[in-house]
Amino acid sequence: MRNFYRSKAWIAKRERILRRDEYRCQEAKRYGKHREAVTVHHIYPIAEYPELALVDWNLISLSNEYHNKMHDRNTGKITSAGRYWQRKRQKQFEKFYGKPPHLCS
């Protein structure tokens, strides 16, 4: 997985997503706050859905603070904030796969 994050494809995609989101944390934006985005998050984890690793709708820009709130760092489980984004992208997921997702836990 580490090699993926060093790949030219990921580095270019990450920059495009940050620019798309105007370097603004999308989770903070939900609450009317402004935080600089420094990371790009996979809404549906690439460990479970590697084919979504470079799909635009599966990626959002986040600050480190909010990125840490997307999944429990001890268990790796998706938090309620992470599940919010999965529900928000469910239509795109269903269109991609032709079926609804199991919400990652």
N, C-alpha and C. Protein backbone atom coordinates (compact mmCIF):
# COMPACT_ATOMS: atom_id res chain seq x y z
N MET A 1 0.83 -1.20 0.00
CA MET A 1 0.00 0.00 0.00
C MET A 1 0.87 1.26 0.00
N ARG A 2 1.97 1.21 0.73
CA ARG A 2 2.84 2.39 0.80
C ARG A 2 3.34 2.78 -0.58
N ASN A 3 3.65 1.78 -1.41
CA ASN A 3 4.12 2.08 -2.76
C ASN A 3 3.07 2.84 -3.56
N PHE A 4 1.79 2.53 -3.33
CA PHE A 4 0.72 3.23 -4.03
C PHE A 4 0.80 4.73 -3.76
N TYR A 5 1.00 5.11 -2.50
CA TYR A 5 1.03 6.52 -2.13
C TYR A 5 2.27 7.25 -2.65
N ARG A 6 3.22 6.50 -3.18
CA ARG A 6 4.40 7.11 -3.79
C ARG A 6 4.33 7.09 -5.32
N SER A 7 3.28 6.49 -5.84
CA SER A 7 3.17 6.36 -7.30
C SER A 7 2.88 7.70 -7.96
N LYS A 8 3.32 7.84 -9.19
CA LYS A 8 3.06 9.06 -9.96
C LYS A 8 1.57 9.28 -10.13
N ALA A 9 0.84 8.19 -10.34
CA ALA A 9 -0.61 8.31 -10.53
C ALA A 9 -1.28 8.89 -9.28
N TRP A 10 -0.89 8.40 -8.09
CA TRP A 10 -1.49 8.92 -6.86
C TRP A 10 -1.07 10.36 -6.61
N ILE A 11 0.18 10.67 -6.77
CA ILE A 11 0.67 12.03 -6.52
C ILE A 11 -0.07 13.03 -7.41
N ALA A 12 -0.26 12.69 -8.68
CA ALA A 12 -0.98 13.57 -9.60
C ALA A 12 -2.46 13.66 -9.22
N LYS A 13 -3.08 12.53 -8.90
CA LYS A 13 -4.50 12.52 -8.53
C LYS A 13 -4.72 13.31 -7.25
N ARG A 14 -3.87 13.11 -6.27
CA ARG A 14 -3.97 13.83 -5.00
C ARG A 14 -3.95 15.34 -5.24
N GLU A 15 -3.04 15.80 -6.06
CA GLU A 15 -2.95 17.24 -6.35
C GLU A 15 -4.21 17.72 -7.07
N ARG A 16 -4.73 16.94 -8.00
CA ARG A 16 -5.96 17.34 -8.71
C ARG A 16 -7.14 17.44 -7.75
N ILE A 17 -7.23 16.51 -6.81
CA ILE A 17 -8.35 16.54 -5.85
C ILE A 17 -8.21 17.74 -4.92
N LEU A 18 -7.02 18.00 -4.43
CA LEU A 18 -6.82 19.17 -3.57
C LEU A 18 -7.20 20.45 -4.32
N ARG A 19 -6.80 20.55 -5.59
CA ARG A 19 -7.17 21.73 -6.39
C ARG A 19 -8.68 21.78 -6.61
N ARG A 20 -9.29 20.64 -6.92
CA ARG A 20 -10.75 20.59 -7.12
C ARG A 20 -11.47 21.15 -5.90
N ASP A 21 -11.00 20.76 -4.73
CA ASP A 21 -11.63 21.19 -3.47
C ASP A 21 -11.07 22.50 -2.94
N GLU A 22 -10.25 23.16 -3.75
CA GLU A 22 -9.65 24.46 -3.41
C GLU A 22 -8.86 24.41 -2.11
N TYR A 23 -8.20 23.28 -1.88
CA TYR A 23 -7.36 23.08 -0.68
C TYR A 23 -8.15 23.33 0.60
N ARG A 24 -9.44 23.07 0.54
CA ARG A 24 -10.33 23.29 1.68
C ARG A 24 -10.83 21.96 2.21
N CYS A 25 -10.74 21.78 3.51
CA CYS A 25 -11.22 20.56 4.15
C CYS A 25 -12.74 20.46 3.96
N GLN A 26 -13.17 19.40 3.32
CA GLN A 26 -14.58 19.23 3.01
C GLN A 26 -15.42 18.88 4.24
N GLU A 27 -14.84 18.25 5.21
CA GLU A 27 -15.58 17.95 6.45
C GLU A 27 -15.76 19.21 7.27
N ALA A 28 -14.74 20.03 7.38
CA ALA A 28 -14.87 21.31 8.09
C ALA A 28 -15.90 22.20 7.39
N LYS A 29 -15.88 22.18 6.08
CA LYS A 29 -16.81 22.99 5.28
C LYS A 29 -18.26 22.63 5.61
N ARG A 30 -18.53 21.36 5.89
CA ARG A 30 -19.88 20.92 6.28
C ARG A 30 -20.39 21.70 7.48
N TYR A 31 -19.48 22.10 8.35
CA TYR A 31 -19.84 22.79 9.58
C TYR A 31 -19.61 24.29 9.50
N GLY A 32 -19.39 24.80 8.29
CA GLY A 32 -19.18 26.23 8.11
C GLY A 32 -17.83 26.71 8.58
N LYS A 33 -16.88 25.80 8.73
CA LYS A 33 -15.54 26.15 9.19
C LYS A 33 -14.58 26.12 8.01
N HIS A 34 -13.48 26.83 8.16
CA HIS A 34 -12.45 26.79 7.13
C HIS A 34 -11.19 26.17 7.71
N ARG A 35 -10.77 25.08 7.11
CA ARG A 35 -9.51 24.43 7.47
C ARG A 35 -8.79 24.11 6.17
N GLU A 36 -7.49 24.30 6.18
CA GLU A 36 -6.71 23.95 5.00
C GLU A 36 -6.63 22.43 4.88
N ALA A 37 -6.89 21.94 3.69
CA ALA A 37 -6.78 20.50 3.43
C ALA A 37 -5.34 20.18 3.07
N VAL A 38 -4.82 19.14 3.70
CA VAL A 38 -3.45 18.71 3.44
C VAL A 38 -3.38 17.24 3.05
N THR A 39 -4.51 16.56 3.11
CA THR A 39 -4.52 15.14 2.76
C THR A 39 -5.75 14.83 1.92
N VAL A 40 -5.70 13.75 1.19
CA VAL A 40 -6.83 13.29 0.39
C VAL A 40 -7.25 11.93 0.94
N HIS A 41 -8.51 11.82 1.27
CA HIS A 41 -9.07 10.65 1.94
C HIS A 41 -9.88 9.79 0.97
N HIS A 42 -9.71 8.47 1.09
CA HIS A 42 -10.53 7.51 0.35
C HIS A 42 -11.80 7.24 1.15
N ILE A 43 -12.93 7.64 0.65
CA ILE A 43 -14.20 7.46 1.34
C ILE A 43 -14.48 5.97 1.54
N TYR A 44 -14.36 5.20 0.48
CA TYR A 44 -14.42 3.75 0.58
C TYR A 44 -12.97 3.27 0.58
N PRO A 45 -12.51 2.67 1.68
CA PRO A 45 -11.08 2.35 1.85
C PRO A 45 -10.51 1.50 0.72
N ILE A 46 -9.30 1.83 0.32
CA ILE A 46 -8.70 1.08 -0.78
C ILE A 46 -8.31 -0.33 -0.36
N ALA A 47 -8.21 -0.59 0.92
CA ALA A 47 -7.95 -1.97 1.36
C ALA A 47 -9.12 -2.88 0.97
N GLU A 48 -10.34 -2.33 0.98
CA GLU A 48 -11.53 -3.09 0.62
C GLU A 48 -11.93 -2.89 -0.84
N TYR A 49 -11.62 -1.72 -1.38
CA TYR A 49 -12.03 -1.36 -2.73
C TYR A 49 -10.85 -0.78 -3.50
N PRO A 50 -9.84 -1.58 -3.81
CA PRO A 50 -8.65 -1.04 -4.49
C PRO A 50 -8.97 -0.43 -5.86
N GLU A 51 -10.04 -0.90 -6.49
CA GLU A 51 -10.42 -0.37 -7.80
C GLU A 51 -10.93 1.07 -7.71
N LEU A 52 -11.21 1.56 -6.50
CA LEU A 52 -11.67 2.95 -6.31
C LEU A 52 -10.53 3.88 -5.90
N ALA A 53 -9.32 3.39 -5.91
CA ALA A 53 -8.18 4.17 -5.40
C ALA A 53 -7.99 5.50 -6.11
N LEU A 54 -8.31 5.57 -7.39
CA LEU A 54 -8.08 6.80 -8.16
C LEU A 54 -9.37 7.37 -8.75
N VAL A 55 -10.50 6.98 -8.20
CA VAL A 55 -11.80 7.44 -8.69
C VAL A 55 -12.17 8.73 -7.96
N ASP A 56 -12.39 9.80 -8.73
CA ASP A 56 -12.61 11.13 -8.14
C ASP A 56 -13.69 11.17 -7.06
N TRP A 57 -14.84 10.55 -7.31
CA TRP A 57 -15.93 10.67 -6.34
C TRP A 57 -15.63 9.95 -5.03
N ASN A 58 -14.62 9.10 -5.01
CA ASN A 58 -14.24 8.40 -3.79
C ASN A 58 -13.19 9.16 -2.99
N LEU A 59 -12.84 10.34 -3.42
CA LEU A 59 -11.76 11.10 -2.80
C LEU A 59 -12.24 12.47 -2.33
N ILE A 60 -11.85 12.84 -1.11
CA ILE A 60 -12.15 14.18 -0.59
C ILE A 60 -10.91 14.73 0.10
N SER A 61 -10.80 16.04 0.05
CA SER A 61 -9.70 16.74 0.70
C SER A 61 -10.06 17.01 2.16
N LEU A 62 -9.11 16.73 3.04
CA LEU A 62 -9.35 16.91 4.48
C LEU A 62 -8.12 17.50 5.16
N SER A 63 -8.36 18.15 6.28
CA SER A 63 -7.26 18.55 7.16
C SER A 63 -6.85 17.30 7.94
N ASN A 64 -5.69 17.34 8.55
CA ASN A 64 -5.27 16.19 9.37
C ASN A 64 -6.25 15.96 10.51
N GLU A 65 -6.70 17.05 11.13
CA GLU A 65 -7.64 16.95 12.25
C GLU A 65 -8.89 16.16 11.85
N TYR A 66 -9.49 16.54 10.73
CA TYR A 66 -10.71 15.86 10.30
C TYR A 66 -10.43 14.50 9.69
N HIS A 67 -9.28 14.34 9.08
CA HIS A 67 -8.95 13.01 8.54
C HIS A 67 -8.88 11.99 9.67
N ASN A 68 -8.32 12.38 10.80
CA ASN A 68 -8.24 11.48 11.95
C ASN A 68 -9.60 11.12 12.52
N LYS A 69 -10.63 11.90 12.17
CA LYS A 69 -11.98 11.62 12.64
C LYS A 69 -12.77 10.72 11.69
N MET A 70 -12.18 10.36 10.57
CA MET A 70 -12.87 9.52 9.59
C MET A 70 -12.81 8.04 9.94
N HIS A 71 -11.74 7.64 10.62
CA HIS A 71 -11.63 6.25 11.04
C HIS A 71 -10.86 6.17 12.35
N ASP A 72 -11.25 5.22 13.15
CA ASP A 72 -10.61 5.01 14.45
C ASP A 72 -9.20 4.50 14.20
N ARG A 73 -8.21 5.23 14.65
CA ARG A 73 -6.81 4.89 14.39
C ARG A 73 -6.37 3.63 15.14
N ASN A 74 -7.08 3.26 16.19
CA ASN A 74 -6.73 2.04 16.93
C ASN A 74 -7.31 0.78 16.30
N THR A 75 -8.55 0.88 15.84
CA THR A 75 -9.23 -0.30 15.29
C THR A 75 -9.28 -0.31 13.77
N GLY A 76 -9.12 0.85 13.15
CA GLY A 76 -9.24 0.95 11.70
C GLY A 76 -10.68 1.05 11.22
N LYS A 77 -11.63 1.00 12.14
CA LYS A 77 -13.04 1.06 11.76
C LYS A 77 -13.43 2.47 11.33
N ILE A 78 -14.35 2.53 10.38
CA ILE A 78 -14.88 3.79 9.90
C ILE A 78 -15.78 4.38 10.99
N THR A 79 -15.63 5.67 11.24
CA THR A 79 -16.43 6.35 12.26
C THR A 79 -17.75 6.83 11.65
N SER A 80 -18.59 7.43 12.47
CA SER A 80 -19.85 7.98 11.95
C SER A 80 -19.58 9.06 10.92
N ALA A 81 -18.53 9.84 11.09
CA ALA A 81 -18.18 10.87 10.09
C ALA A 81 -17.81 10.20 8.77
N GLY A 82 -17.05 9.13 8.83
CA GLY A 82 -16.69 8.40 7.62
C GLY A 82 -17.89 7.77 6.95
N ARG A 83 -18.80 7.23 7.75
CA ARG A 83 -20.02 6.63 7.19
C ARG A 83 -20.92 7.68 6.55
N TYR A 84 -20.91 8.91 7.09
CA TYR A 84 -21.67 10.00 6.47
C TYR A 84 -21.24 10.16 5.01
N TRP A 85 -19.93 10.21 4.78
CA TRP A 85 -19.43 10.40 3.41
C TRP A 85 -19.72 9.18 2.54
N GLN A 86 -19.71 7.99 3.12
CA GLN A 86 -20.07 6.80 2.35
C GLN A 86 -21.53 6.87 1.91
N ARG A 87 -22.40 7.28 2.81
CA ARG A 87 -23.82 7.42 2.45
C ARG A 87 -23.99 8.50 1.38
N LYS A 88 -23.24 9.58 1.52
CA LYS A 88 -23.32 10.68 0.56
C LYS A 88 -22.89 10.24 -0.84
N ARG A 89 -21.98 9.29 -0.92
CA ARG A 89 -21.47 8.82 -2.22
C ARG A 89 -22.10 7.49 -2.64
N GLN A 90 -23.16 7.08 -1.97
CA GLN A 90 -23.76 5.78 -2.25
C GLN A 90 -24.27 5.66 -3.68
N LYS A 91 -24.87 6.72 -4.23
CA LYS A 91 -25.38 6.65 -5.60
C LYS A 91 -24.25 6.42 -6.60
N GLN A 92 -23.13 7.10 -6.40
CA GLN A 92 -21.99 6.90 -7.29
C GLN A 92 -21.46 5.46 -7.17
N PHE A 93 -21.44 4.97 -5.93
CA PHE A 93 -21.00 3.59 -5.69
C PHE A 93 -21.91 2.61 -6.43
N GLU A 94 -23.22 2.80 -6.29
CA GLU A 94 -24.17 1.90 -6.93
C GLU A 94 -24.06 1.96 -8.45
N LYS A 95 -23.82 3.14 -8.98
CA LYS A 95 -23.65 3.28 -10.43
C LYS A 95 -22.39 2.55 -10.89
N PHE A 96 -21.32 2.65 -10.12
CA PHE A 96 -20.04 2.02 -10.45
C PHE A 96 -20.16 0.50 -10.40
N TYR A 97 -20.78 -0.01 -9.34
CA TYR A 97 -20.85 -1.46 -9.12
C TYR A 97 -22.17 -2.10 -9.55
N GLY A 98 -23.20 -1.29 -9.70
CA GLY A 98 -24.50 -1.85 -10.04
C GLY A 98 -25.23 -2.44 -8.85
N LYS A 99 -24.74 -2.16 -7.65
CA LYS A 99 -25.39 -2.66 -6.43
C LYS A 99 -25.00 -1.75 -5.27
N PRO A 100 -25.80 -1.75 -4.20
CA PRO A 100 -25.47 -0.91 -3.04
C PRO A 100 -24.28 -1.47 -2.27
N PRO A 101 -23.55 -0.58 -1.60
CA PRO A 101 -22.40 -1.02 -0.82
C PRO A 101 -22.83 -1.59 0.51
N HIS A 102 -21.96 -2.39 1.09
CA HIS A 102 -22.09 -2.66 2.52
C HIS A 102 -21.32 -1.50 3.13
N LEU A 103 -21.90 -0.80 4.06
CA LEU A 103 -21.19 0.33 4.65
C LEU A 103 -20.03 -0.20 5.45
N CYS A 104 -18.86 0.28 5.12
CA CYS A 104 -17.63 -0.19 5.78
C CYS A 104 -17.69 0.11 7.26
N SER A 105 -17.17 -0.80 8.04
CA SER A 105 -17.16 -0.57 9.50
C SER A 105 -15.76 -0.49 10.02
